[in-house]
């Protein structure tokens, strides 16, 4: 929940700051969304170095032993997330920023939420769930349920920003 909680905190802070300054909160959220993958990348690399948020046991050729945890070979899900939620997501946002960012504040935020949620949801299948929560309903993790929620919000943003463009 730490990342997802951080996103909620950023949304609230951006809304309050923008309201106080009579500006669009989506402009701030787009900036934060654009740079967030860089922070995610370094955060996930740090998780890897600290043997945190590791994957389930596997026998793939690139499996990693986390000696601080056990001697099992596991998916390096931290590196999967660093690549997809960091590098790939940044490149996707860069592509869209150059196309339409200035015309539709909030669109970049929607793109961020959609792709982050998709990547996180998929990688969670290879990650050991939080020890205190385990697997929840339908054998999904809390991270997957929260990703579904953020995916819906991201889709709503994309649709609403697209419709705003059509009506102008």
Protein backbone atom coordinates (compact mmCIF):
# COMPACT_ATOMS: atom_id res chain seq x y z
CA UNK A 1 0.00 0.00 0.00
CA UNK A 2 2.96 2.38 0.38
CA UNK A 3 3.11 3.35 -3.30
CA UNK A 4 -0.62 3.47 -3.77
CA UNK A 5 -1.00 5.48 -0.56
CA UNK A 6 1.67 7.86 -1.82
CA UNK A 7 -0.28 8.37 -5.03
CA UNK A 8 -3.42 9.21 -3.07
CA UNK A 9 -1.41 11.68 -0.97
CA UNK A 10 0.01 13.35 -4.08
CA UNK A 11 -3.47 13.65 -5.61
CA UNK A 12 -4.81 15.31 -2.46
CA UNK A 13 -1.80 17.64 -2.12
CA UNK A 14 -1.97 18.63 -5.81
CA UNK A 15 -5.68 19.32 -5.55
CA UNK A 16 -5.28 21.50 -2.44
CA UNK A 17 -2.27 23.38 -3.84
CA UNK A 18 -3.99 24.03 -7.18
CA UNK A 19 -7.21 25.15 -5.50
CA UNK A 20 -5.29 27.52 -3.26
CA UNK A 21 -3.56 29.03 -6.31
CA UNK A 22 -6.65 28.96 -8.59
CA UNK A 23 -5.02 26.57 -11.05
CA UNK A 24 -5.77 23.16 -12.53
CA UNK A 25 -4.72 20.28 -10.29
CA UNK A 26 -4.34 18.13 -13.41
CA UNK A 27 -1.43 20.29 -14.59
CA UNK A 28 0.45 19.45 -11.40
CA UNK A 29 -0.57 15.81 -11.49
CA UNK A 30 0.68 15.52 -15.07
CA UNK A 31 4.10 16.84 -14.06
CA UNK A 32 4.30 14.44 -11.12
CA UNK A 33 3.09 11.56 -13.30
CA UNK A 34 5.73 12.33 -15.88
CA UNK A 35 8.64 12.19 -13.44
CA UNK A 36 7.27 9.44 -11.16
CA UNK A 37 8.63 6.54 -13.28
CA UNK A 38 12.16 7.78 -12.64
CA UNK A 39 11.58 7.55 -8.88
CA UNK A 40 9.84 4.20 -9.27
CA UNK A 41 12.85 2.86 -11.18
CA UNK A 42 15.33 3.81 -8.47
CA UNK A 43 12.97 2.69 -5.71
CA UNK A 44 12.59 -0.78 -7.24
CA UNK A 45 16.35 -1.10 -7.74
CA UNK A 46 16.73 -0.24 -4.03
CA UNK A 47 14.11 -2.91 -3.22
CA UNK A 48 16.24 -5.40 -5.16
CA UNK A 49 19.43 -4.42 -3.36
CA UNK A 50 17.65 -4.67 0.02
CA UNK A 51 16.02 -8.04 -0.86
CA UNK A 52 12.53 -6.57 -0.48
CA UNK A 53 9.37 -7.30 -2.50
CA UNK A 54 10.88 -10.41 -4.08
CA UNK A 55 9.16 -12.88 -6.32
CA UNK A 56 7.88 -16.40 -5.99
CA UNK A 57 10.13 -19.42 -6.38
CA UNK A 58 11.10 -20.23 -9.96
CA UNK A 59 13.63 -22.07 -12.09
CA UNK A 60 14.00 -19.50 -14.88
CA UNK A 61 17.56 -18.85 -16.01
CA UNK A 62 17.61 -15.32 -14.54
CA UNK A 63 16.27 -16.33 -11.11
CA UNK A 64 17.97 -14.74 -8.12
CA UNK A 65 18.84 -16.11 -4.70
CA UNK A 66 18.04 -13.67 -1.93
CA UNK A 67 20.44 -14.90 0.73
CA UNK A 68 18.92 -12.62 3.38
CA UNK A 69 15.54 -14.30 2.85
CA UNK A 70 16.27 -17.94 1.99
CA UNK A 71 18.30 -19.88 -0.53
CA UNK A 72 15.48 -20.36 -3.01
CA UNK A 73 15.72 -19.09 -6.56
CA UNK A 74 13.08 -16.42 -7.06
CA UNK A 75 11.77 -14.05 -9.72
CA UNK A 76 13.51 -10.67 -9.40
CA UNK A 77 10.17 -8.88 -9.52
CA UNK A 78 11.79 -5.67 -8.30
CA UNK A 79 13.77 -5.56 -11.57
CA UNK A 80 10.68 -6.40 -13.62
CA UNK A 81 8.92 -3.47 -11.98
CA UNK A 82 11.94 -1.18 -12.41
CA UNK A 83 11.92 -1.97 -16.11
CA UNK A 84 8.18 -1.79 -16.84
CA UNK A 85 6.97 0.76 -14.27
CA UNK A 86 10.14 2.82 -14.62
CA UNK A 87 11.72 2.70 -18.06
CA UNK A 88 8.84 1.50 -20.25
CA UNK A 89 6.28 3.72 -18.51
CA UNK A 90 8.56 6.75 -18.83
CA UNK A 91 8.96 6.12 -22.58
CA UNK A 92 5.19 5.76 -23.00
CA UNK A 93 4.60 9.04 -21.17
CA UNK A 94 7.32 10.75 -23.17
CA UNK A 95 5.62 9.68 -26.38
CA UNK A 96 2.24 11.04 -25.29
CA UNK A 97 3.69 14.20 -23.74
CA UNK A 98 5.10 15.28 -27.06
CA UNK A 99 1.80 14.60 -28.80
CA UNK A 100 -0.94 16.02 -26.63
CA UNK A 101 0.23 17.04 -23.17
CA UNK A 102 -0.31 20.79 -23.45
CA UNK A 103 -3.81 20.46 -24.89
CA UNK A 104 -5.38 18.20 -22.28
CA UNK A 105 -4.17 18.47 -18.69
CA UNK A 106 -4.98 15.21 -16.94
CA UNK A 107 -4.40 12.99 -19.94
CA UNK A 108 -0.82 12.18 -18.91
CA UNK A 109 -2.07 11.36 -15.41
CA UNK A 110 -4.60 8.99 -16.94
CA UNK A 111 -1.96 7.32 -19.10
CA UNK A 112 0.26 6.93 -16.03
CA UNK A 113 -2.50 5.33 -13.96
CA UNK A 114 -3.58 2.97 -16.74
CA UNK A 115 -0.15 1.65 -17.66
CA UNK A 116 1.21 1.58 -14.10
CA UNK A 117 -1.84 -0.41 -13.03
CA UNK A 118 -1.53 -2.87 -15.89
CA UNK A 119 2.18 -3.45 -15.27
CA UNK A 120 1.75 -3.72 -11.50
CA UNK A 121 -1.25 -6.06 -11.77
CA UNK A 122 0.63 -8.43 -14.09
CA UNK A 123 3.89 -8.48 -12.12
CA UNK A 124 2.03 -9.12 -8.86
CA UNK A 125 1.32 -12.65 -10.13
CA UNK A 126 5.07 -13.32 -9.81
CA UNK A 127 5.58 -11.51 -6.51
CA UNK A 128 5.22 -12.90 -3.01
CA UNK A 129 2.19 -11.17 -1.44
CA UNK A 130 2.49 -9.03 1.66
CA UNK A 131 3.02 -11.41 4.58
CA UNK A 132 0.37 -9.79 6.76
CA UNK A 133 -2.28 -9.97 3.99
CA UNK A 134 -1.46 -12.95 1.80
CA UNK A 135 -3.76 -13.67 -1.11
CA UNK A 136 -7.24 -12.23 -0.99
CA UNK A 137 -10.41 -12.86 -2.96
CA UNK A 138 -9.93 -14.76 -6.27
CA UNK A 139 -6.30 -15.43 -5.26
CA UNK A 140 -5.38 -11.81 -5.99
CA UNK A 141 -3.18 -9.57 -3.85
CA UNK A 142 -4.03 -6.24 -2.28
CA UNK A 143 -1.74 -4.60 -4.84
CA UNK A 144 -3.82 -6.11 -7.64
CA UNK A 145 -7.11 -4.91 -6.16
CA UNK A 146 -5.76 -1.39 -5.71
CA UNK A 147 -4.34 -1.53 -9.25
CA UNK A 148 -7.82 -2.36 -10.58
CA UNK A 149 -9.20 0.67 -8.73
CA UNK A 150 -6.48 2.95 -10.16
CA UNK A 151 -6.99 1.45 -13.63
CA UNK A 152 -10.66 2.45 -13.52
CA UNK A 153 -9.73 5.99 -12.44
CA UNK A 154 -7.11 6.19 -15.20
CA UNK A 155 -9.58 5.00 -17.83
CA UNK A 156 -12.11 7.55 -16.60
CA UNK A 157 -9.51 10.32 -16.93
CA UNK A 158 -8.56 9.25 -20.43
CA UNK A 159 -12.16 9.06 -21.59
CA UNK A 160 -13.16 12.36 -19.98
CA UNK A 161 -10.12 14.19 -21.37
CA UNK A 162 -10.76 12.74 -24.84
CA UNK A 163 -14.41 13.79 -24.69
CA UNK A 164 -13.36 17.30 -23.59
CA UNK A 165 -11.24 17.55 -26.72
CA UNK A 166 -14.13 16.39 -28.90
CA UNK A 167 -16.47 18.99 -27.39
CA UNK A 168 -14.06 21.91 -27.93
